[in-house]
Amino acid sequence: MTTVLRRIGASPRARGSATGQSCPDIFELSDGSFAVIGREATSELERELPPDAARADDERIVVITRETLVRAKDDIPRV
């Protein structure tokens, strides 16, 4: 069973969310994968993907803020 190991980057509250809820977030998982909480935008952005990009039926395009990713940069493993 895959579990959440840690948050990658600053928490929503540290990024200025008053409630700390319903905000983009990134997590490292026990299997080495990453989970992302973001705004679902598959129908909006799927047609914008480059020709060499594809999405499986069980995958979604999720949008996170630039600040979420930039503030996670130092926590993302290099390998």
N, C-alpha and C. Protein backbone atom coordinates (compact mmCIF):
# COMPACT_ATOMS: atom_id res chain seq x y z
N MET A 1 0.84 -1.18 0.00
CA MET A 1 0.00 0.00 0.00
C MET A 1 0.89 1.25 0.00
N THR A 2 0.61 2.15 -0.89
CA THR A 2 1.36 3.40 -0.99
C THR A 2 0.86 4.37 0.07
N THR A 3 1.80 5.06 0.72
CA THR A 3 1.44 6.04 1.74
C THR A 3 2.14 7.37 1.47
N VAL A 4 1.63 8.43 2.07
CA VAL A 4 2.24 9.74 1.96
C VAL A 4 3.41 9.81 2.94
N LEU A 5 4.61 10.10 2.42
CA LEU A 5 5.79 10.23 3.28
C LEU A 5 5.95 11.63 3.82
N ARG A 6 5.82 12.62 2.93
CA ARG A 6 6.06 13.99 3.37
C ARG A 6 5.50 14.99 2.36
N ARG A 7 5.29 16.18 2.84
CA ARG A 7 4.91 17.30 1.97
C ARG A 7 6.17 17.78 1.26
N ILE A 8 6.03 18.16 0.00
CA ILE A 8 7.13 18.76 -0.76
C ILE A 8 6.84 20.26 -0.83
N GLY A 9 7.70 21.05 -0.22
CA GLY A 9 7.52 22.49 -0.23
C GLY A 9 6.74 22.99 0.96
N ALA A 10 6.36 24.25 0.89
CA ALA A 10 5.66 24.91 1.98
C ALA A 10 4.20 24.49 2.05
N SER A 11 3.66 24.48 3.25
CA SER A 11 2.25 24.15 3.44
C SER A 11 1.38 25.28 2.88
N PRO A 12 0.11 25.00 2.60
CA PRO A 12 -0.77 26.07 2.13
C PRO A 12 -0.81 27.25 3.10
N ARG A 13 -0.82 26.98 4.38
CA ARG A 13 -0.87 28.05 5.37
C ARG A 13 0.40 28.92 5.29
N ALA A 14 1.56 28.27 5.09
CA ALA A 14 2.83 29.01 4.96
C ALA A 14 2.87 29.82 3.66
N ARG A 15 2.07 29.41 2.66
CA ARG A 15 2.00 30.16 1.41
C ARG A 15 0.92 31.23 1.43
N GLY A 16 0.28 31.43 2.59
CA GLY A 16 -0.67 32.53 2.73
C GLY A 16 -2.13 32.16 2.77
N SER A 17 -2.47 30.86 2.75
CA SER A 17 -3.87 30.47 2.84
C SER A 17 -4.37 30.71 4.26
N ALA A 18 -5.43 31.46 4.40
CA ALA A 18 -5.95 31.79 5.72
C ALA A 18 -6.47 30.55 6.45
N THR A 19 -7.04 29.60 5.69
CA THR A 19 -7.62 28.43 6.33
C THR A 19 -6.71 27.20 6.21
N GLY A 20 -5.78 27.22 5.26
CA GLY A 20 -4.93 26.04 5.05
C GLY A 20 -5.65 24.92 4.34
N GLN A 21 -6.85 25.19 3.85
CA GLN A 21 -7.65 24.17 3.18
C GLN A 21 -7.86 24.53 1.72
N SER A 22 -8.17 23.54 0.91
CA SER A 22 -8.50 23.73 -0.50
C SER A 22 -7.43 24.48 -1.26
N CYS A 23 -6.18 24.11 -1.03
CA CYS A 23 -5.07 24.77 -1.70
C CYS A 23 -4.18 23.72 -2.37
N PRO A 24 -3.49 24.10 -3.45
CA PRO A 24 -2.59 23.16 -4.11
C PRO A 24 -1.54 22.64 -3.14
N ASP A 25 -1.13 21.40 -3.34
CA ASP A 25 -0.13 20.78 -2.48
C ASP A 25 0.57 19.67 -3.24
N ILE A 26 1.78 19.33 -2.82
CA ILE A 26 2.57 18.26 -3.45
C ILE A 26 3.09 17.35 -2.34
N PHE A 27 2.99 16.04 -2.55
CA PHE A 27 3.43 15.07 -1.55
C PHE A 27 4.31 14.01 -2.20
N GLU A 28 5.35 13.57 -1.48
CA GLU A 28 6.16 12.43 -1.90
C GLU A 28 5.53 11.18 -1.31
N LEU A 29 5.42 10.14 -2.14
CA LEU A 29 4.79 8.89 -1.72
C LEU A 29 5.84 7.82 -1.42
N SER A 30 5.43 6.81 -0.69
CA SER A 30 6.35 5.76 -0.26
C SER A 30 6.91 4.95 -1.42
N ASP A 31 6.26 4.96 -2.58
CA ASP A 31 6.78 4.22 -3.73
C ASP A 31 7.68 5.08 -4.63
N GLY A 32 7.97 6.32 -4.17
CA GLY A 32 8.82 7.22 -4.94
C GLY A 32 8.06 8.15 -5.87
N SER A 33 6.77 7.95 -6.01
CA SER A 33 5.93 8.81 -6.85
C SER A 33 5.57 10.08 -6.08
N PHE A 34 4.90 10.99 -6.77
CA PHE A 34 4.42 12.22 -6.16
C PHE A 34 2.93 12.34 -6.39
N ALA A 35 2.23 12.86 -5.39
CA ALA A 35 0.80 13.15 -5.51
C ALA A 35 0.62 14.66 -5.48
N VAL A 36 -0.29 15.15 -6.31
CA VAL A 36 -0.52 16.58 -6.42
C VAL A 36 -1.99 16.87 -6.17
N ILE A 37 -2.25 17.85 -5.31
CA ILE A 37 -3.61 18.37 -5.14
C ILE A 37 -3.66 19.68 -5.90
N GLY A 38 -4.58 19.76 -6.82
CA GLY A 38 -4.69 20.98 -7.62
C GLY A 38 -6.06 21.07 -8.26
N ARG A 39 -6.23 22.09 -9.04
CA ARG A 39 -7.50 22.31 -9.74
C ARG A 39 -7.57 21.39 -10.95
N GLU A 40 -8.63 20.61 -11.06
CA GLU A 40 -8.82 19.69 -12.18
C GLU A 40 -9.07 20.52 -13.44
N ALA A 41 -8.27 20.29 -14.49
CA ALA A 41 -8.38 21.11 -15.70
C ALA A 41 -8.25 20.27 -16.97
N THR A 42 -8.61 18.99 -16.90
CA THR A 42 -8.45 18.11 -18.04
C THR A 42 -9.19 18.61 -19.27
N SER A 43 -10.47 18.88 -19.13
CA SER A 43 -11.24 19.29 -20.31
C SER A 43 -10.78 20.63 -20.85
N GLU A 44 -10.29 21.48 -19.98
CA GLU A 44 -9.82 22.81 -20.38
C GLU A 44 -8.48 22.76 -21.12
N LEU A 45 -7.58 21.86 -20.70
CA LEU A 45 -6.21 21.89 -21.22
C LEU A 45 -5.82 20.72 -22.12
N GLU A 46 -6.61 19.66 -22.16
CA GLU A 46 -6.23 18.48 -22.94
C GLU A 46 -5.96 18.81 -24.40
N ARG A 47 -6.77 19.63 -25.00
CA ARG A 47 -6.58 19.98 -26.42
C ARG A 47 -5.35 20.86 -26.63
N GLU A 48 -4.79 21.42 -25.57
CA GLU A 48 -3.60 22.26 -25.65
C GLU A 48 -2.30 21.47 -25.55
N LEU A 49 -2.38 20.19 -25.22
CA LEU A 49 -1.17 19.38 -25.07
C LEU A 49 -0.43 19.27 -26.39
N PRO A 50 0.90 19.19 -26.34
CA PRO A 50 1.66 19.01 -27.59
C PRO A 50 1.37 17.63 -28.19
N PRO A 51 1.63 17.45 -29.47
CA PRO A 51 1.30 16.19 -30.15
C PRO A 51 1.95 14.95 -29.53
N ASP A 52 3.11 15.11 -28.87
CA ASP A 52 3.78 13.94 -28.30
C ASP A 52 3.39 13.68 -26.85
N ALA A 53 2.36 14.37 -26.35
CA ALA A 53 1.85 14.15 -24.99
C ALA A 53 0.52 13.42 -25.07
N ALA A 54 0.29 12.56 -24.09
CA ALA A 54 -0.96 11.79 -24.06
C ALA A 54 -1.42 11.63 -22.62
N ARG A 55 -2.71 11.37 -22.46
CA ARG A 55 -3.31 11.17 -21.15
C ARG A 55 -4.11 9.89 -21.19
N ALA A 56 -3.84 8.99 -20.25
CA ALA A 56 -4.60 7.75 -20.15
C ALA A 56 -5.98 8.04 -19.55
N ASP A 57 -6.91 7.12 -19.73
CA ASP A 57 -8.27 7.32 -19.23
C ASP A 57 -8.32 7.56 -17.71
N ASP A 58 -7.38 6.99 -16.98
CA ASP A 58 -7.38 7.16 -15.52
C ASP A 58 -6.49 8.31 -15.05
N GLU A 59 -6.04 9.16 -15.96
CA GLU A 59 -5.20 10.31 -15.62
C GLU A 59 -5.97 11.61 -15.84
N ARG A 60 -5.62 12.60 -15.06
CA ARG A 60 -6.23 13.92 -15.17
C ARG A 60 -5.13 14.96 -15.23
N ILE A 61 -5.43 16.08 -15.87
CA ILE A 61 -4.53 17.23 -15.87
C ILE A 61 -4.92 18.08 -14.67
N VAL A 62 -3.95 18.35 -13.82
CA VAL A 62 -4.19 19.10 -12.59
C VAL A 62 -3.29 20.33 -12.61
N VAL A 63 -3.85 21.46 -12.24
CA VAL A 63 -3.10 22.72 -12.21
C VAL A 63 -2.78 23.09 -10.77
N ILE A 64 -1.51 23.44 -10.53
CA ILE A 64 -1.10 24.00 -9.25
C ILE A 64 -0.53 25.38 -9.52
N THR A 65 -0.47 26.20 -8.51
CA THR A 65 0.06 27.54 -8.71
C THR A 65 1.57 27.51 -8.90
N ARG A 66 2.07 28.52 -9.55
CA ARG A 66 3.52 28.66 -9.74
C ARG A 66 4.22 28.68 -8.39
N GLU A 67 3.66 29.43 -7.44
CA GLU A 67 4.28 29.53 -6.11
C GLU A 67 4.40 28.16 -5.45
N THR A 68 3.39 27.30 -5.60
CA THR A 68 3.44 25.97 -5.00
C THR A 68 4.64 25.20 -5.52
N LEU A 69 4.85 25.21 -6.83
CA LEU A 69 5.96 24.46 -7.40
C LEU A 69 7.31 25.10 -7.10
N VAL A 70 7.39 26.41 -7.21
CA VAL A 70 8.66 27.11 -6.95
C VAL A 70 9.09 26.89 -5.50
N ARG A 71 8.13 26.94 -4.56
CA ARG A 71 8.48 26.75 -3.16
C ARG A 71 8.77 25.30 -2.83
N ALA A 72 8.43 24.38 -3.71
CA ALA A 72 8.75 22.96 -3.52
C ALA A 72 10.11 22.59 -4.11
N LYS A 73 10.67 23.45 -4.94
CA LYS A 73 11.88 23.14 -5.71
C LYS A 73 13.00 22.55 -4.85
N ASP A 74 13.30 23.18 -3.74
CA ASP A 74 14.41 22.72 -2.90
C ASP A 74 14.15 21.37 -2.25
N ASP A 75 12.88 20.97 -2.12
CA ASP A 75 12.54 19.70 -1.49
C ASP A 75 12.42 18.53 -2.47
N ILE A 76 12.45 18.82 -3.77
CA ILE A 76 12.31 17.76 -4.77
C ILE A 76 13.65 17.03 -4.90
N PRO A 77 13.64 15.71 -4.72
CA PRO A 77 14.89 14.95 -4.81
C PRO A 77 15.52 15.09 -6.22
N ARG A 78 16.82 15.07 -6.27
CA ARG A 78 17.53 15.20 -7.55
C ARG A 78 17.57 13.89 -8.32
N VAL A 79 17.40 12.79 -7.64
CA VAL A 79 17.45 11.48 -8.31
C VAL A 79 16.23 10.69 -7.94
